[in-house]
Amino acid sequence: MEVSVAYADSQHQYWLHIDVPDDSTVSAAIEQSGILNRVPDINLGKQKVGIFGKVTRLDATIKSGDRIEIYQPIIADPKTVRRRKQDDDDDDDE
């Protein structure tokens, strides 16, 4: 069955289409895609993965057509970023 593995960082974007055996897992598809060799900084022990934007486990079974995504860790809390932006905007008004 055909699936894809997607990963993006600040310098590269990957969307790899691969054929995997039926009943493959997210982990098996990621391994088979070769993305871990292309991007050795990926750490599946720390980074979340998902299918079509929904976080899932590495041992989840995939279906034909699934897009498996490897997510970058969040480096800033979105609420903190909004608060800082609002504070900066308030400073500009003075």
PDB file of N, CA and C in Angstrom:
ATOM      1  N   MET A   1       0.846  -1.180   0.000  1.00  0.00           N
ATOM      2  CA  MET A   1       0.000   0.000   0.000  1.00  0.00           C
ATOM      3  C   MET A   1       0.885   1.234   0.000  1.00  0.00           C
ATOM      4  N   GLU A   2       0.385   2.307  -0.560  1.00  0.00           N
ATOM      5  CA  GLU A   2       1.164   3.537  -0.657  1.00  0.00           C
ATOM      6  C   GLU A   2       0.793   4.490   0.472  1.00  0.00           C
ATOM      7  N   VAL A   3       1.816   5.034   1.116  1.00  0.00           N
ATOM      8  CA  VAL A   3       1.659   6.062   2.139  1.00  0.00           C
ATOM      9  C   VAL A   3       2.746   7.107   1.906  1.00  0.00           C
ATOM     10  N   SER A   4       2.702   8.178   2.666  1.00  0.00           N
ATOM     11  CA  SER A   4       3.768   9.173   2.570  1.00  0.00           C
ATOM     12  C   SER A   4       4.244   9.544   3.968  1.00  0.00           C
ATOM     13  N   VAL A   5       5.485  10.003   4.024  1.00  0.00           N
ATOM     14  CA  VAL A   5       6.087  10.463   5.273  1.00  0.00           C
ATOM     15  C   VAL A   5       6.523  11.904   5.048  1.00  0.00           C
ATOM     16  N   ALA A   6       6.067  12.791   5.919  1.00  0.00           N
ATOM     17  CA  ALA A   6       6.357  14.216   5.771  1.00  0.00           C
ATOM     18  C   ALA A   6       7.119  14.729   6.985  1.00  0.00           C
ATOM     19  N   TYR A   7       8.094  15.601   6.699  1.00  0.00           N
ATOM     20  CA  TYR A   7       8.878  16.245   7.753  1.00  0.00           C
ATOM     21  C   TYR A   7       9.400  17.562   7.203  1.00  0.00           C
ATOM     22  N   ALA A   8       9.391  18.582   8.031  1.00  0.00           N
ATOM     23  CA  ALA A   8       9.934  19.878   7.625  1.00  0.00           C
ATOM     24  C   ALA A   8      10.689  20.488   8.788  1.00  0.00           C
ATOM     25  N   ASP A   9      11.807  21.120   8.456  1.00  0.00           N
ATOM     26  CA  ASP A   9      12.526  21.921   9.441  1.00  0.00           C
ATOM     27  C   ASP A   9      12.769  23.287   8.819  1.00  0.00           C
ATOM     28  N   SER A  10      13.581  24.094   9.430  1.00  0.00           N
ATOM     29  CA  SER A  10      13.757  25.464   8.953  1.00  0.00           C
ATOM     30  C   SER A  10      14.455  25.533   7.592  1.00  0.00           C
ATOM     31  N   GLN A  11      15.107  24.464   7.174  1.00  0.00           N
ATOM     32  CA  GLN A  11      15.857  24.505   5.920  1.00  0.00           C
ATOM     33  C   GLN A  11      15.341  23.557   4.840  1.00  0.00           C
ATOM     34  N   HIS A  12      14.618  22.505   5.225  1.00  0.00           N
ATOM     35  CA  HIS A  12      14.205  21.494   4.261  1.00  0.00           C
ATOM     36  C   HIS A  12      12.772  21.045   4.485  1.00  0.00           C
ATOM     37  N   GLN A  13      12.171  20.572   3.412  1.00  0.00           N
ATOM     38  CA  GLN A  13      10.861  19.947   3.489  1.00  0.00           C
ATOM     39  C   GLN A  13      10.938  18.614   2.765  1.00  0.00           C
ATOM     40  N   TYR A  14      10.427  17.580   3.381  1.00  0.00           N
ATOM     41  CA  TYR A  14      10.421  16.254   2.793  1.00  0.00           C
ATOM     42  C   TYR A  14       8.994  15.731   2.761  1.00  0.00           C
ATOM     43  N   TRP A  15       8.623  15.151   1.631  1.00  0.00           N
ATOM     44  CA  TRP A  15       7.357  14.456   1.504  1.00  0.00           C
ATOM     45  C   TRP A  15       7.642  13.235   0.651  1.00  0.00           C
ATOM     46  N   LEU A  16       7.894  12.127   1.319  1.00  0.00           N
ATOM     47  CA  LEU A  16       8.365  10.917   0.679  1.00  0.00           C
ATOM     48  C   LEU A  16       7.218   9.933   0.497  1.00  0.00           C
ATOM     49  N   HIS A  17       6.994   9.497  -0.727  1.00  0.00           N
ATOM     50  CA  HIS A  17       5.949   8.521  -1.030  1.00  0.00           C
ATOM     51  C   HIS A  17       6.595   7.144  -1.088  1.00  0.00           C
ATOM     52  N   ILE A  18       6.026   6.200  -0.339  1.00  0.00           N
ATOM     53  CA  ILE A  18       6.612   4.868  -0.272  1.00  0.00           C
ATOM     54  C   ILE A  18       5.520   3.799  -0.309  1.00  0.00           C
ATOM     55  N   ASP A  19       5.934   2.607  -0.680  1.00  0.00           N
ATOM     56  CA  ASP A  19       5.059   1.441  -0.604  1.00  0.00           C
ATOM     57  C   ASP A  19       5.471   0.619   0.603  1.00  0.00           C
ATOM     58  N   VAL A  20       4.519   0.278   1.442  1.00  0.00           N
ATOM     59  CA  VAL A  20       4.788  -0.518   2.641  1.00  0.00           C
ATOM     60  C   VAL A  20       3.844  -1.718   2.655  1.00  0.00           C
ATOM     61  N   PRO A  21       4.207  -2.761   3.367  1.00  0.00           N
ATOM     62  CA  PRO A  21       3.299  -3.909   3.481  1.00  0.00           C
ATOM     63  C   PRO A  21       2.021  -3.531   4.236  1.00  0.00           C
ATOM     64  N   ASP A  22       0.941  -4.236   3.927  1.00  0.00           N
ATOM     65  CA  ASP A  22      -0.303  -4.055   4.682  1.00  0.00           C
ATOM     66  C   ASP A  22      -0.018  -4.287   6.165  1.00  0.00           C
ATOM     67  N   ASP A  23      -0.772  -3.629   7.026  1.00  0.00           N
ATOM     68  CA  ASP A  23      -0.636  -3.740   8.482  1.00  0.00           C
ATOM     69  C   ASP A  23       0.681  -3.170   9.010  1.00  0.00           C
ATOM     70  N   SER A  24       1.321  -2.287   8.243  1.00  0.00           N
ATOM     71  CA  SER A  24       2.535  -1.629   8.730  1.00  0.00           C
ATOM     72  C   SER A  24       2.180  -0.618   9.812  1.00  0.00           C
ATOM     73  N   THR A  25       3.157  -0.298  10.636  1.00  0.00           N
ATOM     74  CA  THR A  25       2.972   0.708  11.680  1.00  0.00           C
ATOM     75  C   THR A  25       3.589   2.027  11.247  1.00  0.00           C
ATOM     76  N   VAL A  26       3.264   3.060  11.996  1.00  0.00           N
ATOM     77  CA  VAL A  26       3.861   4.372  11.755  1.00  0.00           C
ATOM     78  C   VAL A  26       5.386   4.262  11.811  1.00  0.00           C
ATOM     79  N   SER A  27       5.894   3.608  12.831  1.00  0.00           N
ATOM     80  CA  SER A  27       7.334   3.450  12.998  1.00  0.00           C
ATOM     81  C   SER A  27       7.975   2.733  11.814  1.00  0.00           C
ATOM     82  N   ALA A  28       7.360   1.653  11.361  1.00  0.00           N
ATOM     83  CA  ALA A  28       7.911   0.892  10.238  1.00  0.00           C
ATOM     84  C   ALA A  28       7.949   1.735   8.969  1.00  0.00           C
ATOM     85  N   ALA A  29       6.906   2.511   8.728  1.00  0.00           N
ATOM     86  CA  ALA A  29       6.870   3.361   7.536  1.00  0.00           C
ATOM     87  C   ALA A  29       7.950   4.447   7.601  1.00  0.00           C
ATOM     88  N   ILE A  30       8.134   5.041   8.779  1.00  0.00           N
ATOM     89  CA  ILE A  30       9.174   6.058   8.939  1.00  0.00           C
ATOM     90  C   ILE A  30      10.542   5.440   8.668  1.00  0.00           C
ATOM     91  N   GLU A  31      10.791   4.279   9.237  1.00  0.00           N
ATOM     92  CA  GLU A  31      12.068   3.587   9.011  1.00  0.00           C
ATOM     93  C   GLU A  31      12.271   3.307   7.525  1.00  0.00           C
ATOM     94  N   GLN A  32      11.243   2.753   6.887  1.00  0.00           N
ATOM     95  CA  GLN A  32      11.358   2.370   5.485  1.00  0.00           C
ATOM     96  C   GLN A  32      11.532   3.582   4.574  1.00  0.00           C
ATOM     97  N   SER A  33      11.026   4.723   4.973  1.00  0.00           N
ATOM     98  CA  SER A  33      11.106   5.918   4.118  1.00  0.00           C
ATOM     99  C   SER A  33      12.535   6.426   3.942  1.00  0.00           C
ATOM    100  N   GLY A  34      13.421   6.122   4.895  1.00  0.00           N
ATOM    101  CA  GLY A  34      14.789   6.611   4.824  1.00  0.00           C
ATOM    102  C   GLY A  34      14.972   8.010   5.393  1.00  0.00           C
ATOM    103  N   ILE A  35      13.904   8.599   5.921  1.00  0.00           N
ATOM    104  CA  ILE A  35      13.995   9.965   6.445  1.00  0.00           C
ATOM    105  C   ILE A  35      14.980  10.068   7.606  1.00  0.00           C
ATOM    106  N   LEU A  36      15.092   9.000   8.399  1.00  0.00           N
ATOM    107  CA  LEU A  36      15.998   9.048   9.551  1.00  0.00           C
ATOM    108  C   LEU A  36      17.463   9.102   9.111  1.00  0.00           C
ATOM    109  N   ASN A  37      17.772   8.573   7.935  1.00  0.00           N
ATOM    110  CA  ASN A  37      19.128   8.686   7.390  1.00  0.00           C
ATOM    111  C   ASN A  37      19.365  10.071   6.803  1.00  0.00           C
ATOM    112  N   ARG A  38      18.337  10.650   6.207  1.00  0.00           N
ATOM    113  CA  ARG A  38      18.458  11.985   5.613  1.00  0.00           C
ATOM    114  C   ARG A  38      18.542  13.080   6.671  1.00  0.00           C
ATOM    115  N   VAL A  39      17.819  12.885   7.766  1.00  0.00           N
ATOM    116  CA  VAL A  39      17.760  13.891   8.837  1.00  0.00           C
ATOM    117  C   VAL A  39      18.094  13.206  10.159  1.00  0.00           C
ATOM    118  N   PRO A  40      19.386  13.048  10.455  1.00  0.00           N
ATOM    119  CA  PRO A  40      19.767  12.320  11.672  1.00  0.00           C
ATOM    120  C   PRO A  40      19.356  13.017  12.968  1.00  0.00           C
ATOM    121  N   ASP A  41      18.943  14.278  12.912  1.00  0.00           N
ATOM    122  CA  ASP A  41      18.514  14.997  14.112  1.00  0.00           C
ATOM    123  C   ASP A  41      17.124  14.582  14.588  1.00  0.00           C
ATOM    124  N   ILE A  42      16.376  13.857  13.759  1.00  0.00           N
ATOM    125  CA  ILE A  42      15.052  13.399  14.181  1.00  0.00           C
ATOM    126  C   ILE A  42      15.224  12.416  15.328  1.00  0.00           C
ATOM    127  N   ASN A  43      14.467  12.654  16.400  1.00  0.00           N
ATOM    128  CA  ASN A  43      14.516  11.778  17.566  1.00  0.00           C
ATOM    129  C   ASN A  43      13.094  11.321  17.864  1.00  0.00           C
ATOM    130  N   LEU A  44      12.753  10.128  17.398  1.00  0.00           N
ATOM    131  CA  LEU A  44      11.389   9.638  17.573  1.00  0.00           C
ATOM    132  C   LEU A  44      11.043   9.358  19.030  1.00  0.00           C
ATOM    133  N   GLY A  45      12.051   9.302  19.886  1.00  0.00           N
ATOM    134  CA  GLY A  45      11.791   9.151  21.308  1.00  0.00           C
ATOM    135  C   GLY A  45      11.284  10.432  21.942  1.00  0.00           C
ATOM    136  N   LYS A  46      11.542  11.563  21.302  1.00  0.00           N
ATOM    137  CA  LYS A  46      11.130  12.858  21.846  1.00  0.00           C
ATOM    138  C   LYS A  46      10.110  13.585  20.971  1.00  0.00           C
ATOM    139  N   GLN A  47      10.181  13.403  19.664  1.00  0.00           N
ATOM    140  CA  GLN A  47       9.293  14.126  18.760  1.00  0.00           C
ATOM    141  C   GLN A  47       7.989  13.364  18.577  1.00  0.00           C
ATOM    142  N   LYS A  48       6.911  14.119  18.457  1.00  0.00           N
ATOM    143  CA  LYS A  48       5.600  13.522  18.231  1.00  0.00           C
ATOM    144  C   LYS A  48       5.433  13.206  16.751  1.00  0.00           C
ATOM    145  N   VAL A  49       4.555  12.260  16.485  1.00  0.00           N
ATOM    146  CA  VAL A  49       4.214  11.897  15.119  1.00  0.00           C
ATOM    147  C   VAL A  49       2.700  11.921  14.990  1.00  0.00           C
ATOM    148  N   GLY A  50       2.229  12.023  13.752  1.00  0.00           N
ATOM    149  CA  GLY A  50       0.801  12.039  13.529  1.00  0.00           C
ATOM    150  C   GLY A  50       0.440  11.544  12.150  1.00  0.00           C
ATOM    151  N   ILE A  51      -0.846  11.414  11.929  1.00  0.00           N
ATOM    152  CA  ILE A  51      -1.394  11.068  10.623  1.00  0.00           C
ATOM    153  C   ILE A  51      -2.417  12.135  10.282  1.00  0.00           C
ATOM    154  N   PHE A  52      -2.170  12.831   9.181  1.00  0.00           N
ATOM    155  CA  PHE A  52      -3.047  13.921   8.749  1.00  0.00           C
ATOM    156  C   PHE A  52      -3.352  14.908   9.870  1.00  0.00           C
ATOM    157  N   GLY A  53      -2.327  15.331  10.610  1.00  0.00           N
ATOM    158  CA  GLY A  53      -2.481  16.369  11.616  1.00  0.00           C
ATOM    159  C   GLY A  53      -3.000  15.905  12.961  1.00  0.00           C
ATOM    160  N   LYS A  54      -3.228  14.621  13.129  1.00  0.00           N
ATOM    161  CA  LYS A  54      -3.714  14.101  14.402  1.00  0.00           C
ATOM    162  C   LYS A  54      -2.603  13.267  15.041  1.00  0.00           C
ATOM    163  N   VAL A  55      -2.171  13.654  16.228  1.00  0.00           N
ATOM    164  CA  VAL A  55      -1.078  12.958  16.914  1.00  0.00           C
ATOM    165  C   VAL A  55      -1.462  11.498  17.138  1.00  0.00           C
ATOM    166  N   THR A  56      -0.494  10.620  16.904  1.00  0.00           N
ATOM    167  CA  THR A  56      -0.717   9.196  17.080  1.00  0.00           C
ATOM    168  C   THR A  56       0.533   8.549  17.660  1.00  0.00           C
ATOM    169  N   ARG A  57       0.444   7.265  17.929  1.00  0.00           N
ATOM    170  CA  ARG A  57       1.574   6.517  18.493  1.00  0.00           C
ATOM    171  C   ARG A  57       2.394   5.889  17.375  1.00  0.00           C
ATOM    172  N   LEU A  58       3.649   5.596  17.673  1.00  0.00           N
ATOM    173  CA  LEU A  58       4.527   4.955  16.702  1.00  0.00           C
ATOM    174  C   LEU A  58       4.061   3.545  16.344  1.00  0.00           C
ATOM    175  N   ASP A  59       3.360   2.883  17.243  1.00  0.00           N
ATOM    176  CA  ASP A  59       2.922   1.522  16.965  1.00  0.00           C
ATOM    177  C   ASP A  59       1.523   1.458  16.350  1.00  0.00           C
ATOM    178  N   ALA A  60       0.958   2.608  15.988  1.00  0.00           N
ATOM    179  CA  ALA A  60      -0.356   2.634  15.349  1.00  0.00           C
ATOM    180  C   ALA A  60      -0.269   2.037  13.946  1.00  0.00           C
ATOM    181  N   THR A  61      -1.268   1.265  13.576  1.00  0.00           N
ATOM    182  CA  THR A  61      -1.335   0.685  12.234  1.00  0.00           C
ATOM    183  C   THR A  61      -1.804   1.753  11.252  1.00  0.00           C
ATOM    184  N   ILE A  62      -1.194   1.772  10.067  1.00  0.00           N
ATOM    185  CA  ILE A  62      -1.535   2.784   9.064  1.00  0.00           C
ATOM    186  C   ILE A  62      -2.393   2.165   7.958  1.00  0.00           C
ATOM    187  N   LYS A  63      -3.038   3.069   7.189  1.00  0.00           N
ATOM    188  CA  LYS A  63      -3.888   2.653   6.081  1.00  0.00           C
ATOM    189  C   LYS A  63      -3.343   3.256   4.788  1.00  0.00           C
ATOM    190  N   SER A  64      -3.722   2.649   3.698  1.00  0.00           N
ATOM    191  CA  SER A  64      -3.318   3.141   2.384  1.00  0.00           C
ATOM    192  C   SER A  64      -3.706   4.615   2.237  1.00  0.00           C
ATOM    193  N   GLY A  65      -2.779   5.399   1.747  1.00  0.00           N
ATOM    194  CA  GLY A  65      -3.024   6.825   1.526  1.00  0.00           C
ATOM    195  C   GLY A  65      -2.698   7.721   2.699  1.00  0.00           C
ATOM    196  N   ASP A  66      -2.366   7.148   3.855  1.00  0.00           N
ATOM    197  CA  ASP A  66      -2.060   7.969   5.033  1.00  0.00           C
ATOM    198  C   ASP A  66      -0.819   8.827   4.798  1.00  0.00           C
ATOM    199  N   ARG A  67      -0.856  10.033   5.373  1.00  0.00           N
ATOM    200  CA  ARG A  67       0.327  10.904   5.402  1.00  0.00           C
ATOM    201  C   ARG A  67       0.826  10.912   6.841  1.00  0.00           C
ATOM    202  N   ILE A  68       1.977  10.320   7.043  1.00  0.00           N
ATOM    203  CA  ILE A  68       2.584  10.250   8.362  1.00  0.00           C
ATOM    204  C   ILE A  68       3.460  11.489   8.522  1.00  0.00           C
ATOM    205  N   GLU A  69       3.285  12.176   9.622  1.00  0.00           N
ATOM    206  CA  GLU A  69       4.000  13.430   9.848  1.00  0.00           C
ATOM    207  C   GLU A  69       4.871  13.324  11.098  1.00  0.00           C
ATOM    208  N   ILE A  70       6.070  13.842  10.993  1.00  0.00           N
ATOM    209  CA  ILE A  70       6.980  13.924  12.131  1.00  0.00           C
ATOM    210  C   ILE A  70       7.034  15.394  12.511  1.00  0.00           C
ATOM    211  N   TYR A  71       6.664  15.702  13.752  1.00  0.00           N
ATOM    212  CA  TYR A  71       6.523  17.088  14.174  1.00  0.00           C
ATOM    213  C   TYR A  71       7.772  17.617  14.858  1.00  0.00           C
ATOM    214  N   GLN A  72       8.035  18.883  14.630  1.00  0.00           N
ATOM    215  CA  GLN A  72       9.100  19.598  15.335  1.00  0.00           C
ATOM    216  C   GLN A  72       8.632  19.875  16.756  1.00  0.00           C
ATOM    217  N   PRO A  73       9.545  19.829  17.721  1.00  0.00           N
ATOM    218  CA  PRO A  73       9.136  20.195  19.082  1.00  0.00           C
ATOM    219  C   PRO A  73       8.772  21.679  19.151  1.00  0.00           C
ATOM    220  N   ILE A  74       7.790  21.991  19.981  1.00  0.00           N
ATOM    221  CA  ILE A  74       7.415  23.392  20.180  1.00  0.00           C
ATOM    222  C   ILE A  74       8.480  24.041  21.056  1.00  0.00           C
ATOM    223  N   ILE A  75       9.008  25.165  20.586  1.00  0.00           N
ATOM    224  CA  ILE A  75      10.075  25.818  21.336  1.00  0.00           C
ATOM    225  C   ILE A  75       9.585  27.021  22.132  1.00  0.00           C
ATOM    226  N   ALA A  76       8.328  27.408  21.903  1.00  0.00           N
ATOM    227  CA  ALA A  76       7.763  28.526  22.661  1.00  0.00           C
ATOM    228  C   ALA A  76       6.276  28.267  22.870  1.00  0.00           C
ATOM    229  N   ASP A  77       5.800  28.563  24.052  1.00  0.00           N
ATOM    230  CA  ASP A  77       4.385  28.424  24.351  1.00  0.00           C
ATOM    231  C   ASP A  77       3.620  29.489  23.567  1.00  0.00           C
ATOM    232  N   PRO A  78       2.634  29.085  22.750  1.00  0.00           N
ATOM    233  CA  PRO A  78       1.893  30.069  21.945  1.00  0.00           C
ATOM    234  C   PRO A  78       1.265  31.189  22.771  1.00  0.00           C
ATOM    235  N   LYS A  79       0.808  30.884  23.986  1.00  0.00           N
ATOM    236  CA  LYS A  79       0.220  31.926  24.836  1.00  0.00           C
ATOM    237  C   LYS A  79       1.270  32.953  25.225  1.00  0.00           C
ATOM    238  N   THR A  80       2.488  32.495  25.517  1.00  0.00           N
ATOM    239  CA  THR A  80       3.571  33.410  25.873  1.00  0.00           C
ATOM    240  C   THR A  80       3.938  34.291  24.686  1.00  0.00           C
ATOM    241  N   VAL A  81       3.981  33.703  23.500  1.00  0.00           N
ATOM    242  CA  VAL A  81       4.307  34.476  22.296  1.00  0.00           C
ATOM    243  C   VAL A  81       3.260  35.551  22.059  1.00  0.00           C
ATOM    244  N   ARG A  82       1.964  35.194  22.175  1.00  0.00           N
ATOM    245  CA  ARG A  82       0.898  36.188  21.976  1.00  0.00           C
ATOM    246  C   ARG A  82       0.988  37.300  23.012  1.00  0.00           C
ATOM    247  N   ARG A  83       1.264  36.923  24.263  1.00  0.00           N
ATOM    248  CA  ARG A  83       1.364  37.911  25.333  1.00  0.00           C
ATOM    249  C   ARG A  83       2.518  38.884  25.045  1.00  0.00           C
ATOM    250  N   ARG A  84       3.655  38.350  24.619  1.00  0.00           N
ATOM    251  CA  ARG A  84       4.806  39.217  24.304  1.00  0.00           C
ATOM    252  C   ARG A  84       4.491  40.133  23.131  1.00  0.00           C
ATOM    253  N   LYS A  85       3.812  39.583  22.113  1.00  0.00           N
ATOM    254  CA  LYS A  85       3.452  40.402  20.960  1.00  0.00           C
ATOM    255  C   LYS A  85       2.511  41.512  21.386  1.00  0.00           C
ATOM    256  N   GLN A  86       1.533  41.198  22.240  1.00  0.00           N
ATOM    257  CA  GLN A  86       0.596  42.203  22.721  1.00  0.00           C
ATOM    258  C   GLN A  86       1.343  43.277  23.525  1.00  0.00           C
ATOM    259  N   ASP A  87       2.300  42.868  24.367  1.00  0.00           N
ATOM    260  CA  ASP A  87       3.082  43.831  25.134  1.00  0.00           C
ATOM    261  C   ASP A  87       3.886  44.732  24.216  1.00  0.00           C
ATOM    262  N   ASP A  88       4.471  44.148  23.156  1.00  0.00           N
ATOM    263  CA  ASP A  88       5.243  44.943  22.198  1.00  0.00           C
ATOM    264  C   ASP A  88       4.340  45.932  21.457  1.00  0.00           C
ATOM    265  N   ASP A  89       3.134  45.476  21.077  1.00  0.00           N
ATOM    266  CA  ASP A  89       2.191  46.371  20.401  1.00  0.00           C
ATOM    267  C   ASP A  89       1.764  47.509  21.332  1.00  0.00           C
ATOM    268  N   ASP A  90       1.560  47.205  22.612  1.00  0.00           N
ATOM    269  CA  ASP A  90       1.192  48.243  23.571  1.00  0.00           C
ATOM    270  C   ASP A  90       2.318  49.255  23.740  1.00  0.00           C
ATOM    271  N   ASP A  91       3.582  48.801  23.733  1.00  0.00           N
ATOM    272  CA  ASP A  91       4.724  49.695  23.841  1.00  0.00           C
ATOM    273  C   ASP A  91       4.810  50.608  22.627  1.00  0.00           C
ATOM    274  N   ASP A  92       4.438  50.115  21.445  1.00  0.00           N
ATOM    275  CA  ASP A  92       4.497  50.923  20.225  1.00  0.00           C
ATOM    276  C   ASP A  92       3.454  52.033  20.236  1.00  0.00           C
ATOM    277  N   ASP A  93       2.363  51.822  20.966  1.00  0.00           N
ATOM    278  CA  ASP A  93       1.297  52.836  21.020  1.00  0.00           C
ATOM    279  C   ASP A  93       1.657  54.013  21.894  1.00  0.00           C
ATOM    280  N   GLU A  94       2.653  53.857  22.734  1.00  0.00           N
ATOM    281  CA  GLU A  94       2.994  54.945  23.676  1.00  0.00           C
ATOM    282  C   GLU A  94       3.820  56.003  23.022  1.00  0.00           C
TER     283      GLU A  94
END
